[in-house]
Amino acid sequence: MVFQLVINQLTLLAGKEAGQGVRRYVMANLERVELAGTTRRELQFWLSGSQPHLESSIPLPSMQLMVNLAYVSLCEYCGPVKADFILNEAVRDVAQLSEASGFDPSRLL
């Protein structure tokens, strides 16, 4: 899923401490995202690192909100200029992958 790849790349580019903080922030704010209960729990497991990937289908508006939450958190860790760079770099990196051929990752923004 392209959403997973973008979040993974964003947190990787942010560095270990900021990346973990971004995941914790998104996880702490999942109640703001419209999701089925089982999908929410699966996301919590994935964001915490307890599950390697997501199986559930997530609606585009929910994925967009979670990417936005990740960006807001990233701004807190490294400032808006660096956060913009990291987010754009993550989207560009994922867009080059074969897994993204059917879904443009920029749709998550």
Protein backbone atom coordinates (compact mmCIF):
# COMPACT_ATOMS: atom_id res chain seq x y z
CA MET A 1 0.00 0.00 0.00
CA VAL A 2 1.41 3.36 -1.05
CA PHE A 3 0.23 5.02 2.16
CA GLN A 4 2.42 2.67 4.21
CA LEU A 5 5.40 3.31 1.96
CA VAL A 6 5.02 7.10 2.31
CA ILE A 7 4.73 6.96 6.11
CA ASN A 8 7.66 4.53 6.32
CA GLN A 9 9.85 6.69 4.08
CA LEU A 10 8.85 9.89 5.88
CA THR A 11 9.74 8.44 9.27
CA LEU A 12 12.98 6.99 7.91
CA LEU A 13 14.06 10.34 6.45
CA ALA A 14 13.10 12.11 9.69
CA GLY A 15 15.62 10.07 11.67
CA LYS A 16 15.09 7.57 14.45
CA GLU A 17 13.91 9.87 17.25
CA ALA A 18 11.71 12.12 15.11
CA GLY A 19 10.39 9.16 13.12
CA GLN A 20 9.30 7.35 16.27
CA GLY A 21 7.76 10.57 17.56
CA VAL A 22 5.79 11.02 14.35
CA ARG A 23 4.42 7.49 14.61
CA ARG A 24 3.46 8.06 18.27
CA TYR A 25 1.73 11.34 17.38
CA VAL A 26 -0.32 9.79 14.58
CA MET A 27 -1.22 6.87 16.83
CA ALA A 28 -2.29 9.23 19.63
CA ASN A 29 -4.53 11.14 17.22
CA LEU A 30 -6.20 8.21 15.44
CA GLU A 31 -9.52 9.09 17.10
CA ARG A 32 -9.66 12.10 14.74
CA VAL A 33 -9.62 9.72 11.75
CA GLU A 34 -12.79 8.02 10.52
CA LEU A 35 -11.96 4.33 10.67
CA ALA A 36 -13.62 1.04 11.56
CA GLY A 37 -12.59 -0.25 14.99
CA THR A 38 -10.63 -3.19 13.62
CA THR A 39 -8.78 -0.94 11.15
CA ARG A 40 -7.94 1.51 13.93
CA ARG A 41 -6.46 -1.30 16.05
CA GLU A 42 -4.51 -2.61 13.07
CA LEU A 43 -3.11 0.88 12.46
CA GLN A 44 -2.10 1.14 16.11
CA PHE A 45 -0.22 -2.15 15.86
CA TRP A 46 1.44 -1.07 12.60
CA LEU A 47 2.41 2.38 13.85
CA SER A 48 3.86 0.89 17.03
CA GLY A 49 5.94 -1.56 15.00
CA SER A 50 4.11 -4.64 16.27
CA GLN A 51 2.78 -5.46 12.80
CA PRO A 52 4.94 -5.27 9.64
CA HIS A 53 2.22 -4.08 7.25
CA LEU A 54 -1.46 -3.21 6.97
CA GLU A 55 -4.03 -5.57 5.52
CA SER A 56 -7.07 -3.30 5.82
CA SER A 57 -8.32 -0.99 3.13
CA ILE A 58 -8.29 2.63 4.28
CA PRO A 59 -10.34 5.37 2.57
CA LEU A 60 -8.33 8.11 0.83
CA PRO A 61 -9.59 10.95 3.09
CA SER A 62 -8.46 8.98 6.15
CA MET A 63 -5.03 8.34 4.64
CA GLN A 64 -4.74 12.04 3.76
CA LEU A 65 -5.59 13.03 7.33
CA MET A 66 -2.99 10.64 8.74
CA VAL A 67 -0.30 12.00 6.38
CA ASN A 68 -1.30 15.48 7.53
CA LEU A 69 -0.99 14.41 11.17
CA ALA A 70 2.46 13.00 10.41
CA TYR A 71 3.44 16.29 8.76
CA VAL A 72 2.19 18.37 11.71
CA SER A 73 4.23 16.23 14.08
CA LEU A 74 7.26 16.44 11.84
CA CYS A 75 6.98 20.25 11.87
CA GLU A 76 7.17 20.14 15.66
CA TYR A 77 10.32 17.99 15.55
CA CYS A 78 12.31 19.75 12.86
CA GLY A 79 10.47 22.89 11.74
CA PRO A 80 8.25 23.50 8.72
CA VAL A 81 11.01 23.99 6.13
CA LYS A 82 12.72 20.68 6.88
CA ALA A 83 9.33 18.96 7.29
CA ASP A 84 8.30 20.17 3.81
CA PHE A 85 11.53 18.83 2.39
CA ILE A 86 11.16 15.45 4.11
CA LEU A 87 7.52 15.02 3.06
CA ASN A 88 8.25 15.96 -0.56
CA GLU A 89 11.29 13.69 -0.63
CA ALA A 90 9.27 10.78 0.81
CA VAL A 91 6.52 11.23 -1.79
CA ARG A 92 9.06 11.53 -4.60
CA ASP A 93 10.95 8.42 -3.43
CA VAL A 94 7.77 6.35 -3.23
CA ALA A 95 6.53 7.59 -6.62
CA GLN A 96 9.61 5.98 -8.19
CA LEU A 97 8.76 2.54 -6.81
CA SER A 98 6.93 -0.04 -8.89
CA GLU A 99 4.42 -0.46 -6.02
CA ALA A 100 3.22 3.10 -6.69
CA SER A 101 2.48 2.55 -10.38
CA GLY A 102 -1.27 2.30 -9.74
CA PHE A 103 -1.57 5.12 -7.20
CA ASP A 104 0.16 8.51 -7.28
CA PRO A 105 1.47 9.12 -3.74
CA SER A 106 0.93 12.87 -4.16
CA ARG A 107 -2.80 12.12 -3.82
CA LEU A 108 -2.10 11.60 -0.12
CA LEU A 109 -1.22 15.29 0.31
